[in-house]
């Protein structure tokens, strides 16, 4: 049971880090156009 004193805060910390990374990516426009690049490769711009 003593291991829970380490694992629970560690899991919460990792979850908060993942949430912060997701919010950072969201604010920096990483998810603005997820299907755009897949469609652009099919067309030739010549």
N, C-alpha and C. Protein backbone atom coordinates (compact mmCIF):
# COMPACT_ATOMS: atom_id res chain seq x y z
N UNK A 1 0.82 -1.20 0.00
CA UNK A 1 0.00 0.00 0.00
C UNK A 1 0.86 1.26 0.00
N UNK A 2 2.10 1.15 0.47
CA UNK A 2 2.96 2.32 0.48
C UNK A 2 3.34 2.77 -0.93
N UNK A 3 3.32 1.84 -1.87
CA UNK A 3 3.67 2.18 -3.23
C UNK A 3 2.63 3.12 -3.86
N UNK A 4 1.41 3.08 -3.35
CA UNK A 4 0.38 3.98 -3.86
C UNK A 4 0.70 5.44 -3.54
N UNK A 5 1.45 5.68 -2.49
CA UNK A 5 1.84 7.04 -2.15
C UNK A 5 2.79 7.62 -3.19
N UNK A 6 3.42 6.77 -3.96
CA UNK A 6 4.31 7.21 -5.03
C UNK A 6 3.60 7.18 -6.38
N UNK A 7 2.83 6.12 -6.62
CA UNK A 7 2.23 5.93 -7.94
C UNK A 7 1.09 6.90 -8.24
N UNK A 8 0.28 7.20 -7.26
CA UNK A 8 -0.86 8.11 -7.50
C UNK A 8 -0.37 9.52 -7.85
N UNK A 9 0.51 10.12 -7.08
CA UNK A 9 1.01 11.45 -7.49
C UNK A 9 1.79 11.41 -8.81
N UNK A 10 2.52 10.32 -9.06
CA UNK A 10 3.24 10.22 -10.32
C UNK A 10 2.27 10.16 -11.50
N UNK A 11 1.19 9.41 -11.36
CA UNK A 11 0.20 9.33 -12.43
C UNK A 11 -0.50 10.67 -12.64
N UNK A 12 -0.80 11.37 -11.57
CA UNK A 12 -1.41 12.69 -11.70
C UNK A 12 -0.46 13.68 -12.37
N UNK A 13 0.80 13.61 -12.01
CA UNK A 13 1.78 14.51 -12.62
C UNK A 13 1.94 14.23 -14.11
N UNK A 14 2.02 12.96 -14.48
CA UNK A 14 2.12 12.63 -15.90
C UNK A 14 0.87 13.03 -16.68
N UNK A 15 -0.29 12.88 -16.05
CA UNK A 15 -1.53 13.31 -16.70
C UNK A 15 -1.57 14.81 -16.91
N UNK A 16 -1.11 15.57 -15.93
CA UNK A 16 -1.08 17.02 -16.07
C UNK A 16 -0.07 17.46 -17.13
N UNK A 17 1.04 16.77 -17.22
CA UNK A 17 2.03 17.08 -18.26
C UNK A 17 1.45 16.81 -19.65
N UNK A 18 0.74 15.69 -19.79
CA UNK A 18 0.12 15.36 -21.08
C UNK A 18 -0.96 16.38 -21.43
N UNK A 19 -1.73 16.80 -20.46
CA UNK A 19 -2.77 17.81 -20.71
C UNK A 19 -2.15 19.14 -21.11
N UNK A 20 -1.08 19.52 -20.44
CA UNK A 20 -0.40 20.77 -20.79
C UNK A 20 0.18 20.71 -22.20
N UNK A 21 0.75 19.56 -22.58
CA UNK A 21 1.29 19.41 -23.93
C UNK A 21 0.18 19.47 -24.98
N UNK A 22 -0.96 18.87 -24.69
CA UNK A 22 -2.09 18.92 -25.62
C UNK A 22 -2.61 20.34 -25.78
N UNK A 23 -2.75 21.05 -24.67
CA UNK A 23 -3.24 22.43 -24.75
C UNK A 23 -2.26 23.34 -25.46
N UNK A 24 -0.96 23.10 -25.27
CA UNK A 24 0.05 23.88 -25.98
C UNK A 24 -0.07 23.64 -27.49
N UNK A 25 -0.22 22.38 -27.89
CA UNK A 25 -0.34 22.06 -29.31
C UNK A 25 -1.63 22.64 -29.89
N UNK A 26 -2.67 22.64 -29.12
CA UNK A 26 -3.95 23.19 -29.58
C UNK A 26 -3.84 24.69 -29.80
N UNK A 27 -3.18 25.39 -28.89
CA UNK A 27 -3.05 26.85 -29.02
C UNK A 27 -2.09 27.25 -30.13
N UNK A 28 -1.15 26.39 -30.49
CA UNK A 28 -0.18 26.71 -31.53
C UNK A 28 -0.62 26.26 -32.91
N UNK A 29 -1.86 25.82 -33.05
CA UNK A 29 -2.42 25.52 -34.36
C UNK A 29 -2.02 24.17 -34.93
N UNK A 30 -1.66 23.22 -34.13
CA UNK A 30 -1.25 21.92 -34.63
C UNK A 30 -2.43 21.12 -35.17
N UNK A 31 -3.63 21.44 -34.77
CA UNK A 31 -4.82 20.68 -35.18
C UNK A 31 -5.74 21.51 -36.08
N UNK A 32 -5.22 22.55 -36.71
CA UNK A 32 -6.07 23.42 -37.51
C UNK A 32 -6.60 22.74 -38.77
N UNK A 33 -5.76 22.03 -39.49
CA UNK A 33 -6.16 21.42 -40.76
C UNK A 33 -5.58 20.01 -40.87
N UNK A 34 -6.13 19.05 -40.13
CA UNK A 34 -5.52 17.71 -40.14
C UNK A 34 -5.70 16.96 -41.47
N UNK A 35 -6.72 17.27 -42.24
CA UNK A 35 -6.94 16.54 -43.50
C UNK A 35 -6.42 17.31 -44.70
N UNK A 36 -5.97 18.51 -44.52
CA UNK A 36 -5.52 19.34 -45.64
C UNK A 36 -4.31 18.79 -46.36
N UNK A 37 -3.30 18.37 -45.62
CA UNK A 37 -2.08 17.85 -46.24
C UNK A 37 -2.36 16.55 -46.98
N UNK A 38 -3.24 15.75 -46.48
CA UNK A 38 -3.57 14.50 -47.15
C UNK A 38 -4.28 14.76 -48.47
N UNK A 39 -5.06 15.80 -48.56
CA UNK A 39 -5.74 16.12 -49.80
C UNK A 39 -4.85 16.85 -50.79
N UNK A 40 -3.94 17.67 -50.27
CA UNK A 40 -3.06 18.45 -51.16
C UNK A 40 -2.07 17.58 -51.91
N UNK A 41 -1.72 16.44 -51.37
CA UNK A 41 -0.72 15.60 -52.05
C UNK A 41 -1.30 14.97 -53.31
N UNK A 42 -2.60 14.93 -53.44
CA UNK A 42 -3.23 14.31 -54.60
C UNK A 42 -3.28 15.23 -55.82
N UNK A 43 -3.10 16.52 -55.62
CA UNK A 43 -3.25 17.48 -56.70
C UNK A 43 -1.89 18.07 -57.09
N UNK A 44 -1.68 18.24 -58.39
CA UNK A 44 -0.46 18.82 -58.91
C UNK A 44 -0.66 20.31 -59.12
N UNK A 45 0.23 21.14 -58.61
CA UNK A 45 0.05 22.59 -58.69
C UNK A 45 0.75 23.24 -59.88
N UNK A 46 1.14 22.47 -60.87
CA UNK A 46 1.86 23.03 -62.01
C UNK A 46 0.98 23.90 -62.85
